[in-house]
Structure formats: structure tokens, C-alpha cells
Amino acid sequence: MVEAGVSGAVVCSASMAGVSGAPNMSAYSASKAAVIGLTRSAAKDLAPAGIRVNAVSPAFIGPGRMWDTQVAAQAAAPSPYYADDPAEVARQMIGMVPLGRAGFPDEVARVVAFLLSEEASYLTGINVEIAGGSV
């Protein structure tokens, strides 16, 4: 974009795991925290070229394969944080969300679409937490 002289927007995919750290997922949490740092740095570096860089950090999003995989992985990991029964893990995860439910993929997509739009023309270097009130 810089070489072509094209302004615009970039949205990076981070995660609440990178914001608050997720049990049994230290490497994933670290990689998503790095995405947030990269977003903030790139936003500063690319702003003079008219390129906005932001990130989104979804929390529990479901239903679907990613939700099922995460529930199963947490149930399989010996941990003081989650039960070993996937159904109970799902209840525990939802219990951590103040809105009392998982988010939906289209809720994430709408935030991404906003950040890519001109309606977000003065936003750069931010990380939007799409987490139902979780921190």
C-alpha cells in the first residue's frame, strides 16, 4: 500500500487471549498479544501514508468448529480452571461472560467492517475487544 501510494485500512485478528491471557494457552496468548503490539506499532508507522491499522480481539465466539475445538481442548487439559467434561467447560466459559452467551461470527464481522469503513476514519492503533463484557 505504501509503495503504491494507496491509503486505506488494515484490521488485524487478535484475541482476548492476548489481552488477558488464557489458561492452558500460553503460546496462543503470547502470539495474540504480539498481534496487538504489532497493530499499535504499525499504526504509528503507517499513519503518515494514510493507512489506518486496528485490531479486533474476540472472546468466545460460537457455535462452530472453533468453539467446539476450544471447549474440547480445555476439557482435555489437566487444569484447575476448567472441568474435564466438555459440556461443563462450555457452561464455565459462558459463565465468565457478563452478557451470558458466546458471540456470533457476524458480530465480529460487523466490527471489522466498521473499522475498514470511512466511518472509522479517525481510528488507528486501537484494539476492539469483542467480548460480551469479559476482561
Protein backbone atom coordinates (compact mmCIF):
# COMPACT_ATOMS: atom_id res chain seq x y z
CA MET A 1 0.00 0.00 0.00
CA VAL A 2 2.81 2.41 0.85
CA GLU A 3 4.71 1.68 -2.38
CA ALA A 4 1.52 2.06 -4.42
CA GLY A 5 0.61 5.27 -2.63
CA VAL A 6 -2.73 3.80 -1.59
CA SER A 7 -4.32 4.85 1.67
CA GLY A 8 -6.76 2.59 3.45
CA ALA A 9 -7.23 0.41 6.47
CA VAL A 10 -5.92 -2.85 7.86
CA VAL A 11 -7.62 -4.89 10.57
CA CYS A 12 -5.53 -7.47 12.42
CA SER A 13 -7.02 -10.54 14.07
CA ALA A 14 -6.02 -10.69 17.73
CA SER A 15 -7.89 -12.33 20.62
CA MET A 16 -8.96 -11.73 24.18
CA ALA A 17 -6.40 -14.41 24.99
CA GLY A 18 -3.78 -11.83 24.01
CA VAL A 19 -5.40 -9.17 26.19
CA SER A 20 -5.94 -11.09 29.40
CA GLY A 21 -4.08 -14.38 28.96
CA ALA A 22 -5.97 -17.64 28.61
CA PRO A 23 -5.41 -20.68 30.82
CA ASN A 24 -3.73 -23.61 29.08
CA MET A 25 -2.98 -21.46 26.02
CA SER A 26 0.25 -19.59 26.79
CA ALA A 27 1.74 -19.74 23.28
CA TYR A 28 -1.54 -18.68 21.67
CA SER A 29 -1.97 -15.87 24.22
CA ALA A 30 1.57 -14.65 23.59
CA SER A 31 1.12 -14.68 19.82
CA LYS A 32 -2.12 -12.70 20.01
CA ALA A 33 -0.55 -10.19 22.43
CA ALA A 34 2.16 -9.76 19.78
CA VAL A 35 -0.52 -9.00 17.17
CA ILE A 36 -1.83 -6.21 19.40
CA GLY A 37 1.68 -4.76 19.79
CA LEU A 38 2.29 -5.03 16.06
CA THR A 39 -1.01 -3.26 15.40
CA ARG A 40 -0.13 -0.34 17.63
CA SER A 41 3.37 -0.01 16.18
CA ALA A 42 2.25 -0.36 12.56
CA ALA A 43 -0.47 2.24 13.16
CA LYS A 44 2.19 4.78 14.07
CA ASP A 45 4.50 3.78 11.22
CA LEU A 46 1.79 3.80 8.55
CA ALA A 47 -0.30 6.80 9.62
CA PRO A 48 1.80 9.25 7.55
CA ALA A 49 0.91 7.19 4.47
CA GLY A 50 -2.80 7.44 5.28
CA ILE A 51 -3.06 3.83 6.35
CA ARG A 52 -5.03 3.03 9.49
CA VAL A 53 -4.20 -0.16 11.39
CA ASN A 54 -6.50 -1.58 14.06
CA ALA A 55 -7.18 -4.96 15.64
CA VAL A 56 -10.12 -6.94 16.92
CA SER A 57 -9.97 -9.26 19.91
CA PRO A 58 -12.91 -11.63 20.01
CA ALA A 59 -13.54 -13.70 23.12
CA PHE A 60 -15.73 -16.80 22.99
CA ILE A 61 -17.34 -16.99 19.55
CA GLY A 62 -19.68 -19.83 18.65
CA PRO A 63 -21.24 -22.10 17.79
CA GLY A 64 -18.93 -23.75 15.33
CA ARG A 65 -15.73 -25.65 14.89
CA MET A 66 -13.51 -23.15 16.70
CA TRP A 67 -15.83 -23.14 19.73
CA ASP A 68 -16.03 -26.94 19.76
CA THR A 69 -12.24 -27.26 19.42
CA GLN A 70 -11.58 -24.83 22.25
CA VAL A 71 -14.08 -26.50 24.58
CA ALA A 72 -12.62 -29.94 23.85
CA ALA A 73 -9.04 -28.73 24.31
CA GLN A 74 -9.83 -27.11 27.66
CA ALA A 75 -11.65 -30.25 28.83
CA ALA A 76 -8.66 -32.39 27.83
CA ALA A 77 -6.05 -30.21 29.56
CA PRO A 78 -5.41 -31.04 33.21
CA SER A 79 -6.25 -27.71 34.78
CA PRO A 80 -7.66 -26.11 37.90
CA TYR A 81 -9.52 -23.67 35.64
CA TYR A 82 -11.87 -25.99 33.75
CA ALA A 83 -13.69 -29.28 34.30
CA ASP A 84 -12.84 -32.36 32.27
CA ASP A 85 -16.35 -32.63 30.80
CA PRO A 86 -16.82 -30.58 27.59
CA ALA A 87 -20.43 -29.68 28.44
CA GLU A 88 -19.32 -28.33 31.81
CA VAL A 89 -16.41 -26.46 30.21
CA ALA A 90 -18.87 -24.76 27.84
CA ARG A 91 -21.01 -23.71 30.82
CA GLN A 92 -17.92 -22.45 32.68
CA MET A 93 -16.76 -20.43 29.68
CA ILE A 94 -20.17 -18.82 29.17
CA GLY A 95 -20.32 -18.17 32.91
CA MET A 96 -17.32 -15.84 32.55
CA VAL A 97 -19.17 -13.63 30.06
CA PRO A 98 -21.28 -10.88 31.66
CA LEU A 99 -23.71 -10.93 28.71
CA GLY A 100 -24.17 -14.66 29.38
CA ARG A 101 -23.56 -16.00 25.88
CA ALA A 102 -20.94 -16.58 23.23
CA GLY A 103 -20.59 -14.02 20.48
CA PHE A 104 -21.60 -14.73 16.90
CA PRO A 105 -19.26 -14.55 13.89
CA ASP A 106 -21.39 -11.84 12.29
CA GLU A 107 -20.90 -9.66 15.38
CA VAL A 108 -17.15 -9.80 14.78
CA ALA A 109 -17.61 -9.19 11.05
CA ARG A 110 -19.65 -6.04 11.69
CA VAL A 111 -16.90 -4.58 13.86
CA VAL A 112 -14.29 -5.40 11.21
CA ALA A 113 -16.46 -3.81 8.50
CA PHE A 114 -16.80 -0.67 10.63
CA LEU A 115 -13.03 -0.43 11.20
CA LEU A 116 -12.46 -0.78 7.44
CA SER A 117 -15.03 1.90 6.64
CA GLU A 118 -14.65 5.65 6.39
CA GLU A 119 -16.88 5.91 9.47
CA ALA A 120 -13.77 4.88 11.43
CA SER A 121 -11.53 7.37 9.63
CA TYR A 122 -10.05 8.77 12.85
CA LEU A 123 -9.38 5.41 14.50
CA THR A 124 -5.94 3.87 14.29
CA GLY A 125 -3.85 1.83 16.70
CA ILE A 126 -6.81 0.52 18.67
CA ASN A 127 -7.81 -2.97 19.68
CA VAL A 128 -11.56 -3.55 19.87
CA GLU A 129 -12.46 -6.18 22.45
CA ILE A 130 -15.50 -8.12 21.21
CA ALA A 131 -16.06 -9.97 24.43
CA GLY A 132 -19.53 -9.54 25.89
CA GLY A 133 -18.06 -7.66 28.85
CA SER A 134 -15.31 -10.17 29.62
CA VAL A 135 -11.94 -8.78 30.60
